[in-house]
N, C-alpha and C. Protein backbone atom coordinates (compact mmCIF):
# COMPACT_ATOMS: atom_id res chain seq x y z
N UNK A 1 166.98 65.45 -60.53
CA UNK A 1 167.15 66.62 -59.68
C UNK A 1 166.46 66.35 -58.27
N UNK A 2 165.19 65.78 -58.45
CA UNK A 2 164.38 65.63 -57.35
C UNK A 2 165.26 64.69 -56.36
N UNK A 3 165.79 63.61 -57.09
CA UNK A 3 166.54 62.52 -56.35
C UNK A 3 167.81 63.04 -55.79
N UNK A 4 168.44 64.03 -56.37
CA UNK A 4 169.58 64.73 -55.55
C UNK A 4 169.35 65.53 -54.46
N UNK A 5 168.28 66.24 -54.67
CA UNK A 5 167.66 67.10 -53.47
C UNK A 5 167.28 66.05 -52.51
N UNK A 6 166.66 64.89 -52.48
CA UNK A 6 166.36 64.02 -51.71
C UNK A 6 167.73 63.46 -50.77
N UNK A 7 168.61 63.20 -51.76
CA UNK A 7 169.84 62.66 -51.20
C UNK A 7 170.59 63.64 -50.40
N UNK A 8 170.58 64.93 -50.78
CA UNK A 8 171.17 65.96 -49.95
C UNK A 8 170.47 66.32 -48.64
N UNK A 9 169.16 66.02 -48.60
CA UNK A 9 168.31 66.30 -47.52
C UNK A 9 168.70 65.13 -46.51
N UNK A 10 168.66 63.83 -46.93
CA UNK A 10 168.93 62.88 -46.22
C UNK A 10 170.28 62.99 -45.53
N UNK A 11 171.34 63.43 -46.09
CA UNK A 11 172.59 63.53 -45.80
C UNK A 11 172.61 64.51 -44.67
N UNK A 12 172.00 65.72 -44.97
CA UNK A 12 172.05 66.81 -43.84
C UNK A 12 171.39 66.28 -42.66
N UNK A 13 170.36 65.43 -42.90
CA UNK A 13 169.74 64.88 -41.59
C UNK A 13 170.73 64.01 -40.60
N UNK A 14 171.36 63.18 -41.56
CA UNK A 14 172.30 62.52 -40.74
C UNK A 14 173.49 62.99 -40.12
N UNK A 15 173.95 64.08 -40.92
CA UNK A 15 175.01 64.92 -40.31
C UNK A 15 174.54 65.65 -39.01
N UNK A 16 173.48 66.21 -38.90
CA UNK A 16 172.87 66.93 -37.92
C UNK A 16 172.80 65.88 -36.65
N UNK A 17 172.26 64.56 -37.08
CA UNK A 17 172.20 63.71 -35.94
C UNK A 17 173.29 63.34 -35.34
N UNK A 18 174.50 63.14 -36.22
CA UNK A 18 175.95 62.73 -35.77
C UNK A 18 176.29 63.91 -34.88
N UNK A 19 176.29 65.23 -35.38
CA UNK A 19 176.66 66.36 -34.76
C UNK A 19 176.05 66.34 -33.15
N UNK A 20 174.67 66.18 -33.12
CA UNK A 20 174.03 66.23 -31.84
C UNK A 20 174.51 64.98 -30.97
N UNK A 21 174.57 63.82 -31.41
CA UNK A 21 175.03 62.90 -30.91
C UNK A 21 176.47 63.06 -30.07
N UNK A 22 177.32 63.54 -31.02
CA UNK A 22 178.85 63.77 -30.59
C UNK A 22 178.75 64.85 -29.60
N UNK A 23 177.84 66.05 -29.62
CA UNK A 23 177.96 66.74 -28.65
C UNK A 23 177.55 66.22 -27.41
N UNK A 24 176.50 65.23 -27.45
CA UNK A 24 175.80 64.89 -26.24
C UNK A 24 176.91 63.90 -25.56
N UNK A 25 177.79 63.05 -26.20
CA UNK A 25 178.62 62.24 -25.76
C UNK A 25 179.67 63.20 -25.02
N UNK A 26 180.01 64.15 -25.77
CA UNK A 26 181.24 65.16 -25.04
C UNK A 26 180.80 65.86 -23.86
N UNK A 27 179.44 66.15 -23.90
CA UNK A 27 178.91 67.02 -22.68
C UNK A 27 178.60 65.90 -21.50
N UNK A 28 177.80 64.96 -21.87
CA UNK A 28 177.34 64.03 -20.70
C UNK A 28 178.00 62.72 -20.57
N UNK A 29 178.74 62.37 -21.69
CA UNK A 29 179.62 61.06 -21.76
C UNK A 29 178.17 59.98 -21.89
N UNK A 30 178.46 58.85 -21.05
CA UNK A 30 177.39 57.91 -21.18
C UNK A 30 176.86 57.57 -19.76
N UNK A 31 176.84 58.67 -19.10
CA UNK A 31 176.32 58.76 -17.50
C UNK A 31 174.69 58.49 -17.91
N UNK A 32 174.21 57.56 -17.01
CA UNK A 32 172.75 57.53 -16.82
C UNK A 32 172.04 58.51 -16.13
N UNK A 33 172.90 59.44 -15.41
CA UNK A 33 172.28 60.58 -14.59
C UNK A 33 171.89 61.83 -15.35
N UNK A 34 172.44 61.81 -16.81
CA UNK A 34 172.07 62.75 -17.48
C UNK A 34 170.55 62.76 -17.98
N UNK A 35 169.95 64.04 -18.24
CA UNK A 35 168.62 64.16 -18.87
C UNK A 35 168.85 64.10 -20.31
N UNK A 36 167.84 62.93 -20.84
CA UNK A 36 168.04 62.99 -22.36
C UNK A 36 167.53 64.25 -23.14
N UNK A 37 168.19 64.43 -24.20
CA UNK A 37 168.04 65.51 -24.94
C UNK A 37 166.50 65.40 -25.69
N UNK A 38 166.05 66.48 -26.19
CA UNK A 38 164.74 66.37 -27.05
C UNK A 38 164.90 65.38 -28.16
N UNK A 39 166.18 65.42 -28.60
CA UNK A 39 166.24 64.48 -30.00
C UNK A 39 166.12 63.11 -29.45
N UNK A 40 166.84 62.72 -28.21
CA UNK A 40 166.71 61.38 -27.71
C UNK A 40 165.41 60.91 -27.30
N UNK A 41 164.77 61.80 -26.77
CA UNK A 41 163.27 61.66 -26.34
C UNK A 41 162.46 61.44 -27.46
N UNK A 42 162.73 62.12 -28.60
CA UNK A 42 161.64 62.07 -29.77
C UNK A 42 162.17 60.51 -30.34
N UNK A 43 163.44 60.29 -30.47
CA UNK A 43 163.84 59.04 -31.13
C UNK A 43 163.01 57.97 -30.21
N UNK A 44 163.37 57.91 -28.84
CA UNK A 44 162.94 56.90 -28.12
C UNK A 44 161.36 56.66 -28.17
N UNK A 45 160.65 57.87 -28.37
CA UNK A 45 159.26 57.66 -28.64
C UNK A 45 158.92 56.97 -29.83
N UNK A 46 159.52 57.63 -30.98
CA UNK A 46 159.14 56.85 -32.21
C UNK A 46 159.74 55.39 -32.27
N UNK A 47 160.88 55.03 -31.46
CA UNK A 47 161.27 53.75 -31.57
C UNK A 47 160.19 52.77 -30.94
N UNK A 48 159.81 53.23 -29.70
CA UNK A 48 158.74 52.60 -29.08
C UNK A 48 157.46 52.34 -29.82
N UNK A 49 157.09 53.35 -30.61
CA UNK A 49 155.99 53.26 -31.48
C UNK A 49 156.03 52.38 -32.66
N UNK A 50 157.41 52.32 -33.21
CA UNK A 50 157.61 51.43 -34.32
C UNK A 50 157.65 49.90 -33.95
N UNK A 51 158.19 49.73 -32.54
CA UNK A 51 158.57 48.22 -32.08
C UNK A 51 157.22 47.61 -31.79
N UNK A 52 156.16 48.32 -31.66
CA UNK A 52 154.86 47.60 -31.26
C UNK A 52 154.19 47.13 -32.66
N UNK A 53 153.96 45.95 -32.84
CA UNK A 53 153.14 45.42 -34.09
C UNK A 53 151.84 46.03 -34.25
N UNK A 54 151.70 46.28 -35.60
CA UNK A 54 150.44 47.01 -36.05
C UNK A 54 149.16 46.20 -35.44
N UNK A 55 149.17 44.98 -35.23
CA UNK A 55 147.96 44.41 -34.83
C UNK A 55 147.65 44.40 -33.41
N UNK A 56 148.94 44.80 -32.62
CA UNK A 56 148.65 45.11 -31.27
C UNK A 56 147.65 46.20 -30.88
N UNK A 57 147.86 47.15 -31.73
CA UNK A 57 146.92 48.29 -31.42
C UNK A 57 145.53 48.38 -31.53
N UNK A 58 145.08 47.25 -32.35
CA UNK A 58 143.58 46.90 -32.49
C UNK A 58 142.89 45.95 -31.39
N UNK A 59 144.00 45.47 -30.25
CA UNK A 59 143.47 44.63 -29.53
C UNK A 59 142.54 45.33 -28.46
N UNK A 60 141.51 44.66 -28.09
CA UNK A 60 140.67 45.02 -27.11
C UNK A 60 140.89 44.54 -25.72
N UNK A 61 140.48 45.14 -24.64
CA UNK A 61 140.63 44.48 -23.54
C UNK A 61 139.66 43.62 -23.03
N UNK A 62 139.79 42.43 -23.05
CA UNK A 62 139.04 41.31 -22.62
C UNK A 62 138.43 41.30 -21.23
N UNK A 63 139.29 42.05 -20.35
CA UNK A 63 138.79 42.20 -18.82
C UNK A 63 137.92 43.21 -18.56
N UNK A 64 136.87 43.10 -18.03
CA UNK A 64 135.97 44.32 -17.76
C UNK A 64 136.29 44.96 -16.50
N UNK A 65 136.53 46.34 -16.70
CA UNK A 65 136.96 47.14 -15.45
C UNK A 65 135.73 47.06 -14.45
N UNK A 66 136.30 47.03 -13.13
CA UNK A 66 135.34 46.99 -12.03
C UNK A 66 136.20 47.45 -10.67
N UNK A 67 135.51 47.60 -9.50
CA UNK A 67 136.26 48.04 -8.34
C UNK A 67 137.24 47.04 -8.12
N UNK A 68 136.76 45.68 -8.18
CA UNK A 68 137.50 44.57 -7.74
C UNK A 68 138.97 44.55 -8.67
N UNK A 69 138.73 44.78 -9.89
CA UNK A 69 139.83 44.62 -10.93
C UNK A 69 140.89 45.75 -10.69
N UNK A 70 140.29 46.88 -10.34
CA UNK A 70 141.03 48.09 -10.09
C UNK A 70 141.82 48.03 -8.70
N UNK A 71 141.29 47.22 -7.93
CA UNK A 71 142.01 47.11 -6.62
C UNK A 71 143.05 45.90 -6.84
N UNK A 72 142.83 44.76 -7.70
CA UNK A 72 143.83 43.82 -8.01
C UNK A 72 144.99 44.48 -8.54
N UNK A 73 144.72 45.21 -9.59
CA UNK A 73 145.72 45.99 -10.37
C UNK A 73 146.40 46.90 -9.71
N UNK A 74 145.90 47.78 -8.83
CA UNK A 74 146.52 48.77 -7.90
C UNK A 74 147.54 48.10 -7.10
N UNK A 75 147.18 46.94 -6.28
CA UNK A 75 148.12 46.27 -5.49
C UNK A 75 149.28 45.55 -6.08
N UNK A 76 148.92 45.03 -7.50
CA UNK A 76 149.95 44.39 -8.18
C UNK A 76 150.86 45.42 -8.65
N UNK A 77 150.54 46.52 -9.13
CA UNK A 77 151.15 47.49 -9.70
C UNK A 77 152.35 47.97 -8.56
N UNK A 78 151.63 48.11 -7.32
CA UNK A 78 152.26 48.63 -6.14
C UNK A 78 153.53 47.61 -5.68
N UNK A 79 153.22 46.34 -5.91
CA UNK A 79 154.24 45.51 -5.59
C UNK A 79 155.34 45.10 -6.74
N UNK A 80 154.81 45.19 -7.91
CA UNK A 80 155.93 44.93 -9.14
C UNK A 80 156.36 46.19 -9.91
N UNK A 81 155.49 47.21 -9.87
CA UNK A 81 155.75 48.46 -10.93
C UNK A 81 156.26 49.41 -10.19
N UNK A 82 155.84 49.84 -9.06
CA UNK A 82 156.04 51.19 -8.36
C UNK A 82 157.53 51.48 -7.97
N UNK A 83 158.31 50.40 -7.87
CA UNK A 83 159.76 50.64 -7.62
C UNK A 83 160.43 51.51 -8.72
N UNK A 84 159.98 51.41 -9.86
CA UNK A 84 160.44 52.26 -11.10
C UNK A 84 159.52 53.51 -11.29
N UNK A 85 158.18 53.30 -11.33
CA UNK A 85 157.12 54.26 -11.94
C UNK A 85 156.59 54.87 -10.61
N UNK A 86 156.89 54.60 -9.39
CA UNK A 86 156.29 55.20 -8.31
C UNK A 86 154.69 54.74 -8.21
N UNK A 87 154.14 54.79 -6.96
CA UNK A 87 152.78 54.68 -6.83
C UNK A 87 151.89 55.31 -7.78
N UNK A 88 152.11 56.59 -8.00
CA UNK A 88 151.25 57.52 -8.73
C UNK A 88 151.50 57.33 -10.42
N UNK A 89 152.59 56.66 -10.62
CA UNK A 89 152.85 56.50 -12.12
C UNK A 89 153.95 57.72 -12.59
N UNK A 90 154.38 58.68 -11.60
CA UNK A 90 155.21 59.67 -12.02
C UNK A 90 156.53 59.44 -12.58
N UNK A 91 157.16 58.16 -12.07
CA UNK A 91 158.38 57.98 -12.36
C UNK A 91 159.44 58.34 -11.18
N UNK A 92 158.90 59.16 -10.36
CA UNK A 92 159.76 60.15 -9.48
C UNK A 92 160.24 59.10 -8.44
N UNK A 93 161.14 58.09 -8.56
CA UNK A 93 161.53 57.24 -7.79
C UNK A 93 163.13 57.19 -7.57
N UNK A 94 163.64 56.67 -6.69
CA UNK A 94 165.24 56.59 -6.50
C UNK A 94 165.56 55.56 -7.75
N UNK A 95 164.97 54.56 -8.10
CA UNK A 95 165.33 53.60 -9.07
C UNK A 95 164.88 54.24 -10.45
N UNK A 96 163.63 54.99 -10.33
CA UNK A 96 163.55 55.73 -11.71
C UNK A 96 164.60 56.51 -12.21
N UNK A 97 165.08 57.50 -11.20
CA UNK A 97 166.15 58.53 -11.45
C UNK A 97 167.31 57.83 -11.88
N UNK A 98 167.71 56.59 -11.61
CA UNK A 98 168.86 55.99 -12.13
C UNK A 98 168.93 55.32 -13.34
N UNK A 99 167.62 55.25 -13.96
CA UNK A 99 167.44 54.61 -15.22
C UNK A 99 167.77 55.67 -16.28
N UNK A 100 168.14 55.17 -17.51
CA UNK A 100 168.24 55.98 -18.68
C UNK A 100 167.70 55.38 -19.91
N UNK A 101 166.75 55.83 -20.56
CA UNK A 101 166.03 56.91 -20.39
C UNK A 101 165.28 56.73 -19.07
N UNK A 102 164.82 57.89 -18.43
CA UNK A 102 163.88 57.83 -17.15
C UNK A 102 162.54 57.14 -17.65
N UNK A 103 161.88 56.58 -16.72
CA UNK A 103 160.56 55.99 -16.86
C UNK A 103 159.58 57.27 -17.34
N UNK A 104 158.81 56.94 -18.31
CA UNK A 104 157.67 58.06 -18.50
C UNK A 104 156.74 58.23 -17.56
N UNK A 105 156.14 59.47 -17.49
CA UNK A 105 155.09 59.70 -16.44
C UNK A 105 153.81 59.00 -17.20
N UNK A 106 153.48 58.08 -16.48
CA UNK A 106 152.29 57.30 -17.03
C UNK A 106 150.90 57.87 -16.93
N UNK A 107 150.93 59.11 -16.41
CA UNK A 107 149.77 59.87 -16.30
C UNK A 107 149.55 60.98 -17.58
N UNK A 108 150.75 61.12 -18.31
CA UNK A 108 150.92 61.98 -19.29
C UNK A 108 150.39 61.58 -20.60
N UNK A 109 149.97 62.42 -21.49
CA UNK A 109 149.37 62.27 -22.74
C UNK A 109 150.19 61.04 -23.45
N UNK A 110 151.50 61.13 -23.64
CA UNK A 110 152.09 60.19 -24.52
C UNK A 110 151.90 58.78 -24.13
N UNK A 111 151.66 58.31 -22.79
CA UNK A 111 151.19 57.15 -22.44
C UNK A 111 149.78 56.85 -22.44
N UNK A 112 148.81 57.93 -22.02
CA UNK A 112 147.41 57.67 -22.19
C UNK A 112 146.81 57.51 -23.25
N UNK A 113 147.39 58.42 -24.41
CA UNK A 113 146.89 58.15 -25.77
C UNK A 113 147.26 56.75 -26.50
N UNK A 114 147.97 56.06 -25.91
CA UNK A 114 148.30 54.77 -26.40
C UNK A 114 146.99 53.93 -26.35
N UNK A 115 146.67 53.10 -27.34
CA UNK A 115 145.40 52.26 -27.03
C UNK A 115 145.72 51.18 -26.07
N UNK A 116 144.69 50.53 -25.58
CA UNK A 116 144.77 49.34 -24.73
C UNK A 116 145.57 48.24 -25.10
N UNK A 117 145.66 47.80 -26.42
CA UNK A 117 146.39 46.95 -27.03
C UNK A 117 147.75 47.26 -26.92
N UNK A 118 148.31 48.53 -27.14
CA UNK A 118 149.53 49.10 -27.13
C UNK A 118 150.32 48.97 -25.81
N UNK A 119 149.38 49.44 -24.78
CA UNK A 119 149.69 49.15 -23.40
C UNK A 119 149.99 47.72 -23.00
N UNK A 120 149.09 47.01 -23.25
CA UNK A 120 149.38 45.60 -22.94
C UNK A 120 150.54 44.93 -23.63
N UNK A 121 150.70 45.19 -24.78
CA UNK A 121 152.10 44.82 -25.51
C UNK A 121 153.29 45.24 -24.77
N UNK A 122 153.28 46.45 -24.28
CA UNK A 122 154.53 46.92 -23.71
C UNK A 122 154.66 46.25 -22.27
N UNK A 123 153.66 45.93 -21.57
CA UNK A 123 153.66 45.30 -20.23
C UNK A 123 154.21 43.91 -20.58
N UNK A 124 153.84 43.22 -21.76
CA UNK A 124 154.02 41.85 -21.82
C UNK A 124 155.51 41.71 -22.27
N UNK A 125 155.98 42.69 -23.23
CA UNK A 125 157.05 42.48 -24.04
C UNK A 125 158.17 43.41 -23.71
N UNK A 126 157.95 44.44 -22.79
CA UNK A 126 158.91 45.25 -22.49
C UNK A 126 159.43 46.37 -23.55
N UNK A 127 160.39 47.10 -23.41
CA UNK A 127 160.80 48.08 -24.40
C UNK A 127 162.38 48.11 -24.31
N UNK A 128 162.80 47.59 -25.57
CA UNK A 128 164.17 47.31 -25.67
C UNK A 128 165.04 48.65 -25.46
N UNK A 129 166.22 48.51 -24.89
CA UNK A 129 166.97 49.63 -24.74
C UNK A 129 166.68 50.60 -23.61
N UNK A 130 165.75 50.14 -22.72
CA UNK A 130 165.22 50.97 -21.61
C UNK A 130 165.27 49.89 -20.42
N UNK A 131 164.88 50.40 -19.26
CA UNK A 131 164.60 49.60 -17.97
C UNK A 131 163.36 48.89 -18.05
N UNK A 132 162.61 49.07 -18.90
CA UNK A 132 161.29 48.34 -18.84
C UNK A 132 161.39 46.73 -19.14
N UNK A 133 161.23 45.87 -18.34
CA UNK A 133 161.23 44.43 -18.57
C UNK A 133 160.01 43.86 -19.36
N UNK A 134 160.25 42.80 -19.79
CA UNK A 134 159.13 42.04 -20.49
C UNK A 134 158.46 41.14 -19.15
N UNK A 135 157.11 41.50 -19.01
CA UNK A 135 156.41 40.76 -17.71
C UNK A 135 155.74 39.57 -18.43
N UNK A 136 155.59 39.47 -19.80
CA UNK A 136 155.07 38.22 -20.11
C UNK A 136 155.71 37.02 -20.12
N UNK A 137 154.92 35.83 -20.25
CA UNK A 137 155.70 34.55 -19.97
C UNK A 137 155.18 33.83 -18.75
N UNK A 138 155.66 32.69 -18.52
CA UNK A 138 155.27 31.81 -17.46
C UNK A 138 155.97 32.41 -16.20
N UNK A 139 154.95 32.67 -15.26
CA UNK A 139 155.57 32.96 -14.05
C UNK A 139 156.24 34.22 -13.81
N UNK A 140 156.16 35.16 -14.90
CA UNK A 140 156.72 36.37 -14.78
C UNK A 140 156.13 37.29 -13.79
N UNK A 141 154.80 37.58 -13.71
CA UNK A 141 154.16 38.35 -12.82
C UNK A 141 152.46 37.76 -12.57
N UNK A 142 152.26 36.73 -13.10
CA UNK A 142 150.98 36.11 -12.91
C UNK A 142 150.45 35.69 -14.39
N UNK A 143 149.61 36.48 -15.23
CA UNK A 143 149.23 36.01 -16.60
C UNK A 143 148.81 37.07 -17.39
N UNK A 144 148.29 37.02 -18.48
CA UNK A 144 147.89 37.95 -19.37
C UNK A 144 146.49 38.77 -18.77
N UNK A 145 145.86 38.04 -18.13
CA UNK A 145 144.71 38.82 -17.33
C UNK A 145 145.17 39.89 -16.30
N UNK A 146 146.39 39.57 -15.74
CA UNK A 146 146.87 40.67 -14.63
C UNK A 146 147.39 41.77 -15.62
N UNK A 147 148.03 41.50 -16.89
CA UNK A 147 148.52 42.64 -17.72
C UNK A 147 147.48 43.51 -18.16
N UNK A 148 146.29 42.81 -18.53
CA UNK A 148 144.97 43.54 -18.87
C UNK A 148 144.38 44.53 -17.75
N UNK A 149 144.58 43.83 -16.42
CA UNK A 149 144.08 44.78 -15.35
C UNK A 149 144.91 45.95 -14.91
N UNK A 150 146.21 45.78 -15.33
CA UNK A 150 147.24 46.81 -15.27
C UNK A 150 146.87 48.11 -16.16
N UNK A 151 146.29 47.41 -17.34
CA UNK A 151 145.98 48.58 -18.55
C UNK A 151 144.91 49.36 -17.94
N UNK A 152 143.99 48.76 -17.16
CA UNK A 152 142.72 49.66 -16.63
C UNK A 152 143.27 50.41 -15.58
N UNK A 153 144.27 50.07 -14.61
CA UNK A 153 144.82 50.88 -13.65
C UNK A 153 145.79 52.23 -14.28
N UNK A 154 146.42 51.80 -15.16
CA UNK A 154 147.07 52.92 -15.97
C UNK A 154 146.09 53.94 -16.41
N UNK A 155 145.06 53.58 -16.98
CA UNK A 155 143.99 54.51 -17.42
C UNK A 155 143.49 55.32 -16.17
N UNK A 156 143.60 54.83 -14.90
CA UNK A 156 143.07 55.54 -13.90
C UNK A 156 144.00 56.16 -12.96
N UNK A 157 145.39 56.19 -13.32
CA UNK A 157 146.45 56.87 -12.71
C UNK A 157 146.17 58.46 -12.74
N UNK A 158 145.61 59.05 -13.70
CA UNK A 158 145.35 60.67 -13.56
C UNK A 158 144.43 60.80 -12.37
N UNK A 159 143.55 59.96 -12.12
CA UNK A 159 142.53 60.16 -11.06
C UNK A 159 142.89 59.27 -9.65
N UNK A 160 144.05 58.94 -9.61
CA UNK A 160 144.35 58.34 -8.49
C UNK A 160 144.21 59.07 -7.07
N UNK A 161 143.52 58.51 -6.13
CA UNK A 161 143.01 59.19 -4.76
C UNK A 161 144.36 59.19 -3.79
N UNK A 162 144.24 59.95 -2.81
CA UNK A 162 145.30 59.97 -1.88
C UNK A 162 145.05 58.61 -1.04
N UNK A 163 143.77 58.24 -0.81
CA UNK A 163 143.48 57.16 -0.17
C UNK A 163 144.22 55.68 -0.56
N UNK A 164 143.96 55.58 -2.17
CA UNK A 164 144.44 54.51 -2.97
C UNK A 164 146.02 54.54 -2.74
N UNK A 165 146.65 55.61 -2.95
CA UNK A 165 147.97 55.64 -2.83
C UNK A 165 148.60 55.41 -1.46
N UNK A 166 147.82 55.64 -0.35
CA UNK A 166 148.31 55.30 0.86
C UNK A 166 148.14 53.54 0.94
N UNK A 167 147.04 53.10 0.43
CA UNK A 167 146.89 51.58 0.35
C UNK A 167 148.23 51.00 -0.20
N UNK A 168 148.33 51.52 -1.45
CA UNK A 168 149.49 50.77 -2.24
C UNK A 168 150.85 50.98 -1.44
N UNK A 169 151.17 52.10 -0.50
CA UNK A 169 152.40 52.09 0.12
C UNK A 169 152.41 50.64 1.19
N UNK A 170 151.46 50.19 1.50
CA UNK A 170 151.28 49.08 2.42
C UNK A 170 152.04 47.83 1.52
N UNK A 171 151.82 47.86 0.35
CA UNK A 171 152.17 46.72 -0.37
C UNK A 171 153.43 46.70 -1.26
N UNK A 172 154.05 47.98 -1.14
CA UNK A 172 155.32 48.35 -1.70
C UNK A 172 156.56 47.32 -1.19
N UNK A 173 157.34 46.71 -2.00
CA UNK A 173 158.49 45.89 -1.45
C UNK A 173 159.36 46.72 -0.46
N UNK A 174 159.65 46.03 0.45
CA UNK A 174 160.34 46.56 1.72
C UNK A 174 161.85 46.32 1.61
N UNK A 175 162.64 47.08 2.20
CA UNK A 175 163.99 46.74 2.41
C UNK A 175 164.18 45.92 3.63
N UNK A 176 165.46 45.47 4.05
CA UNK A 176 165.76 44.49 5.19
C UNK A 176 165.47 45.32 6.33
N UNK A 177 165.65 46.49 6.42
CA UNK A 177 165.50 47.31 7.79
C UNK A 177 163.77 47.54 7.90
N UNK A 178 163.05 47.68 6.97
CA UNK A 178 161.42 47.68 6.93
C UNK A 178 161.15 46.42 7.41
N UNK A 179 161.52 45.27 6.69
CA UNK A 179 160.99 44.09 6.94
C UNK A 179 161.25 43.54 8.50
N UNK A 180 162.50 44.01 9.13
CA UNK A 180 162.84 43.57 10.44
C UNK A 180 161.82 44.37 11.38
N UNK A 181 161.56 45.58 11.04
CA UNK A 181 160.77 46.46 11.86
C UNK A 181 159.38 45.91 11.78
N UNK A 182 158.81 45.35 10.66
CA UNK A 182 157.61 45.02 10.36
C UNK A 182 157.59 43.43 11.30
N UNK A 183 158.80 42.76 11.25
CA UNK A 183 158.56 41.41 11.98
C UNK A 183 158.51 41.64 13.57
N UNK A 184 159.15 42.85 14.05
CA UNK A 184 159.12 43.07 15.45
C UNK A 184 157.58 43.61 15.69
N UNK A 185 157.02 44.37 15.06
CA UNK A 185 155.70 44.79 15.26
C UNK A 185 154.73 43.54 15.25
N UNK A 186 154.88 42.69 14.19
CA UNK A 186 154.14 41.59 14.15
C UNK A 186 154.15 40.85 15.47
N UNK A 187 155.23 40.39 15.86
CA UNK A 187 155.57 39.70 16.99
C UNK A 187 154.99 40.39 18.26
N UNK A 188 154.99 41.68 18.35
CA UNK A 188 154.56 42.29 19.35
C UNK A 188 153.25 42.41 19.60
N UNK A 189 152.41 42.37 18.42
CA UNK A 189 150.92 42.24 18.56
C UNK A 189 150.40 40.99 18.55
N UNK A 190 151.39 39.86 18.14
CA UNK A 190 150.82 38.49 18.44
C UNK A 190 151.22 37.98 19.62
N UNK A 191 151.89 38.81 20.67
CA UNK A 191 152.05 38.34 21.91
C UNK A 191 153.39 37.57 22.34
N UNK A 192 154.36 37.65 21.13
CA UNK A 192 155.55 37.14 21.47
C UNK A 192 156.38 37.84 22.50
N UNK A 193 156.92 37.01 23.26
CA UNK A 193 157.98 37.75 24.46
C UNK A 193 158.84 38.76 23.94
N UNK A 194 158.99 39.86 24.48
CA UNK A 194 160.06 40.81 23.89
C UNK A 194 161.17 40.75 24.86
N UNK A 195 162.40 40.82 24.40
CA UNK A 195 163.62 40.66 25.08
C UNK A 195 163.88 42.29 25.24
N UNK A 196 163.96 42.56 26.71
CA UNK A 196 164.21 43.91 26.99
C UNK A 196 165.66 44.41 26.18
N UNK A 197 165.70 45.77 25.98
CA UNK A 197 166.91 46.30 25.32
C UNK A 197 167.87 46.23 26.26
N UNK A 198 169.26 45.77 26.04
CA UNK A 198 170.39 45.70 27.04
C UNK A 198 170.16 44.71 28.29
N UNK A 199 169.23 43.69 28.05
CA UNK A 199 169.05 42.79 29.02
C UNK A 199 170.18 41.69 29.28
N UNK A 200 170.68 41.40 30.33
CA UNK A 200 171.87 40.51 30.54
C UNK A 200 171.27 39.32 31.37
N UNK A 201 171.72 38.23 30.67
CA UNK A 201 171.19 36.89 31.23
C UNK A 201 172.10 36.50 32.44
N UNK A 202 171.28 36.18 33.63
CA UNK A 202 171.88 35.86 34.78
C UNK A 202 172.16 34.34 34.87
N UNK A 203 173.36 33.82 35.44
CA UNK A 203 173.48 32.44 35.66
C UNK A 203 173.50 32.09 37.18
N UNK A 204 172.78 31.03 37.53
CA UNK A 204 172.86 30.63 39.04
C UNK A 204 173.90 29.71 39.08
N UNK A 205 174.75 29.80 40.35
CA UNK A 205 175.76 28.65 40.36
C UNK A 205 175.44 27.84 41.63
């Protein structure tokens, strides 16, 4: 009898999941613009948790936290991670809005309650079926020390100051227009001759 009840309960759960999935497909299709349902969010969090090896949770951060480590990690985050996660870790970015599922708010409890080892594992190995890539491996973004430093910075995100965020903005990747503007500014301050706008070259005969 107990076995029959268990079978019926499992069948009911599967049916509910199928119905919810079907409703989601019919309502939103496969668009990445849609907001994940609470079921998808729950499944994604559980999947992330199950994908992390049990040994990773117990790993301790071998890099001691310091002002220098925080600054290294802050600028590294600005250059490599902020395009999706935002300088403040909120995930409120153009790239982040286009991902499905959306990047988590790194300041929130679901991220902050992860152990240092779990955060390190995610940075190194990524999260399958999401936009989070694996940064581990030769030449990916530095080395394991950089990943451990980022763990310290993620812990600091809820207390990020306005000054720190402004500093990060200078290290965010720039688009072609911003790069050209920066180049012109650098040339101006370095004394390069400026071509007047609309200047016409005169030829002598």
